[in-house]
Amino acid sequence: MTETEKLQAVWHLYESEHQHKPARMPEAIAWAAKKNLLREPAAVPGIKVLERKMANALRQEYDTYKGHRYRVNHAVNV
C-alpha cells in the first residue's frame, strides 16, 4: 500500500466513525494521530505537512459512475 493509499484509508476510517459528516483536515489529522494511525509526529509543523499530504492523497482518488469519472472526495459547500 502506498502512502497515498494509506492516507486515503485513514480518511475513510475517520469518515465512517463520524457518520460521513463534513469534516476539516486538521480534525481528521488530530483524530488519526490520537489513534496512532499516522507515523509522523503531531507537532504543529508536522500537522501542516500531514494536512497537505492527506489533501493531495484525497484529490487523487477517483471512481466511475455510469461511465463518468469523478473525484471521490470532492469538497462540498455546506
C-alpha atoms as a PDB file:
ATOM      1  CA  MET A   1       0.000   0.000   0.000  1.00  0.00           C
ATOM      2  CA  THR A   2       1.421   3.386  -0.967  1.00  0.00           C
ATOM      3  CA  GLU A   3       1.496   6.408   1.341  1.00  0.00           C
ATOM      4  CA  THR A   4      -1.312   7.939  -0.712  1.00  0.00           C
ATOM      5  CA  GLU A   5      -3.463   4.834  -0.268  1.00  0.00           C
ATOM      6  CA  LYS A   6      -2.726   4.779   3.479  1.00  0.00           C
ATOM      7  CA  LEU A   7      -3.797   8.409   3.855  1.00  0.00           C
ATOM      8  CA  GLN A   8      -6.966   7.728   1.862  1.00  0.00           C
ATOM      9  CA  ALA A   9      -7.721   4.750   4.121  1.00  0.00           C
ATOM     10  CA  VAL A  10      -7.216   6.885   7.247  1.00  0.00           C
ATOM     11  CA  TRP A  11      -9.616   9.494   5.851  1.00  0.00           C
ATOM     12  CA  HIS A  12     -12.251   6.853   5.107  1.00  0.00           C
ATOM     13  CA  LEU A  13     -11.899   5.428   8.636  1.00  0.00           C
ATOM     14  CA  TYR A  14     -12.363   8.929  10.049  1.00  0.00           C
ATOM     15  CA  GLU A  15     -15.414   9.491   7.863  1.00  0.00           C
ATOM     16  CA  SER A  16     -17.047   6.207   8.834  1.00  0.00           C
ATOM     17  CA  GLU A  17     -16.516   6.830  12.561  1.00  0.00           C
ATOM     18  CA  HIS A  18     -18.066  10.294  12.197  1.00  0.00           C
ATOM     19  CA  GLN A  19     -21.107   9.209  10.129  1.00  0.00           C
ATOM     20  CA  HIS A  20     -19.708  10.796   6.932  1.00  0.00           C
ATOM     21  CA  LYS A  21     -20.381  14.320   8.211  1.00  0.00           C
ATOM     22  CA  PRO A  22     -18.424  17.153   6.584  1.00  0.00           C
ATOM     23  CA  ALA A  23     -15.027  17.498   8.228  1.00  0.00           C
ATOM     24  CA  ARG A  24     -11.867  19.560   8.065  1.00  0.00           C
ATOM     25  CA  MET A  25      -8.423  18.120   7.504  1.00  0.00           C
ATOM     26  CA  PRO A  26      -6.980  19.254  10.894  1.00  0.00           C
ATOM     27  CA  GLU A  27      -9.767  17.368  12.698  1.00  0.00           C
ATOM     28  CA  ALA A  28      -9.039  14.181  10.763  1.00  0.00           C
ATOM     29  CA  ILE A  29      -5.275  14.501  11.322  1.00  0.00           C
ATOM     30  CA  ALA A  30      -5.718  15.062  15.071  1.00  0.00           C
ATOM     31  CA  TRP A  31      -8.057  12.061  15.268  1.00  0.00           C
ATOM     32  CA  ALA A  32      -5.621   9.844  13.347  1.00  0.00           C
ATOM     33  CA  ALA A  33      -2.657  10.985  15.460  1.00  0.00           C
ATOM     34  CA  LYS A  34      -4.588  10.225  18.655  1.00  0.00           C
ATOM     35  CA  LYS A  35      -5.367   6.720  17.318  1.00  0.00           C
ATOM     36  CA  ASN A  36      -1.703   6.216  16.269  1.00  0.00           C
ATOM     37  CA  LEU A  37      -2.678   5.754  12.626  1.00  0.00           C
ATOM     38  CA  LEU A  38      -0.011   8.179  11.376  1.00  0.00           C
ATOM     39  CA  ARG A  39       3.724   7.732  11.753  1.00  0.00           C
ATOM     40  CA  GLU A  40       4.790  11.372  11.688  1.00  0.00           C
ATOM     41  CA  PRO A  41       4.833  13.427  14.905  1.00  0.00           C
ATOM     42  CA  ALA A  42       1.774  15.504  15.661  1.00  0.00           C
ATOM     43  CA  ALA A  43       3.772  18.682  16.331  1.00  0.00           C
ATOM     44  CA  VAL A  44       2.266  21.786  14.753  1.00  0.00           C
ATOM     45  CA  PRO A  45       4.644  21.880  11.744  1.00  0.00           C
ATOM     46  CA  GLY A  46       4.132  18.125  11.290  1.00  0.00           C
ATOM     47  CA  ILE A  47       0.373  18.578  11.299  1.00  0.00           C
ATOM     48  CA  LYS A  48       0.557  21.072   8.427  1.00  0.00           C
ATOM     49  CA  VAL A  49       2.718  18.666   6.425  1.00  0.00           C
ATOM     50  CA  LEU A  50       0.271  15.819   7.073  1.00  0.00           C
ATOM     51  CA  GLU A  51      -2.682  18.037   6.104  1.00  0.00           C
ATOM     52  CA  ARG A  52      -1.065  18.780   2.741  1.00  0.00           C
ATOM     53  CA  LYS A  53      -0.164  15.135   2.167  1.00  0.00           C
ATOM     54  CA  MET A  54      -3.675  13.945   3.023  1.00  0.00           C
ATOM     55  CA  ALA A  55      -5.300  16.647   0.881  1.00  0.00           C
ATOM     56  CA  ASN A  56      -3.142  15.583  -2.069  1.00  0.00           C
ATOM     57  CA  ALA A  57      -3.948  11.917  -1.461  1.00  0.00           C
ATOM     58  CA  LEU A  58      -7.684  12.608  -1.371  1.00  0.00           C
ATOM     59  CA  ARG A  59      -7.526  14.633  -4.599  1.00  0.00           C
ATOM     60  CA  GLN A  60      -6.077  11.597  -6.364  1.00  0.00           C
ATOM     61  CA  GLU A  61      -8.971   9.250  -5.540  1.00  0.00           C
ATOM     62  CA  TYR A  62     -11.324   8.782  -8.497  1.00  0.00           C
ATOM     63  CA  ASP A  63     -14.217   6.450  -9.287  1.00  0.00           C
ATOM     64  CA  THR A  64     -16.562   5.915 -12.235  1.00  0.00           C
ATOM     65  CA  TYR A  65     -20.335   6.106 -12.252  1.00  0.00           C
ATOM     66  CA  LYS A  66     -22.338   5.342 -15.398  1.00  0.00           C
ATOM     67  CA  GLY A  67     -19.235   5.855 -17.499  1.00  0.00           C
ATOM     68  CA  HIS A  68     -18.343   9.217 -15.940  1.00  0.00           C
ATOM     69  CA  ARG A  69     -15.177   9.600 -13.918  1.00  0.00           C
ATOM     70  CA  TYR A  70     -15.429  11.740 -10.789  1.00  0.00           C
ATOM     71  CA  ARG A  71     -13.344  12.737  -7.780  1.00  0.00           C
ATOM     72  CA  VAL A  72     -14.499  10.713  -4.771  1.00  0.00           C
ATOM     73  CA  ASN A  73     -13.587  13.255  -2.094  1.00  0.00           C
ATOM     74  CA  HIS A  74     -14.663  16.435  -3.864  1.00  0.00           C
ATOM     75  CA  ALA A  75     -15.336  19.271  -1.436  1.00  0.00           C
ATOM     76  CA  VAL A  76     -18.951  20.210  -0.795  1.00  0.00           C
ATOM     77  CA  ASN A  77     -20.164  23.592   0.440  1.00  0.00           C
ATOM     78  CA  VAL A  78     -22.404  23.260   3.481  1.00  0.00           C
END
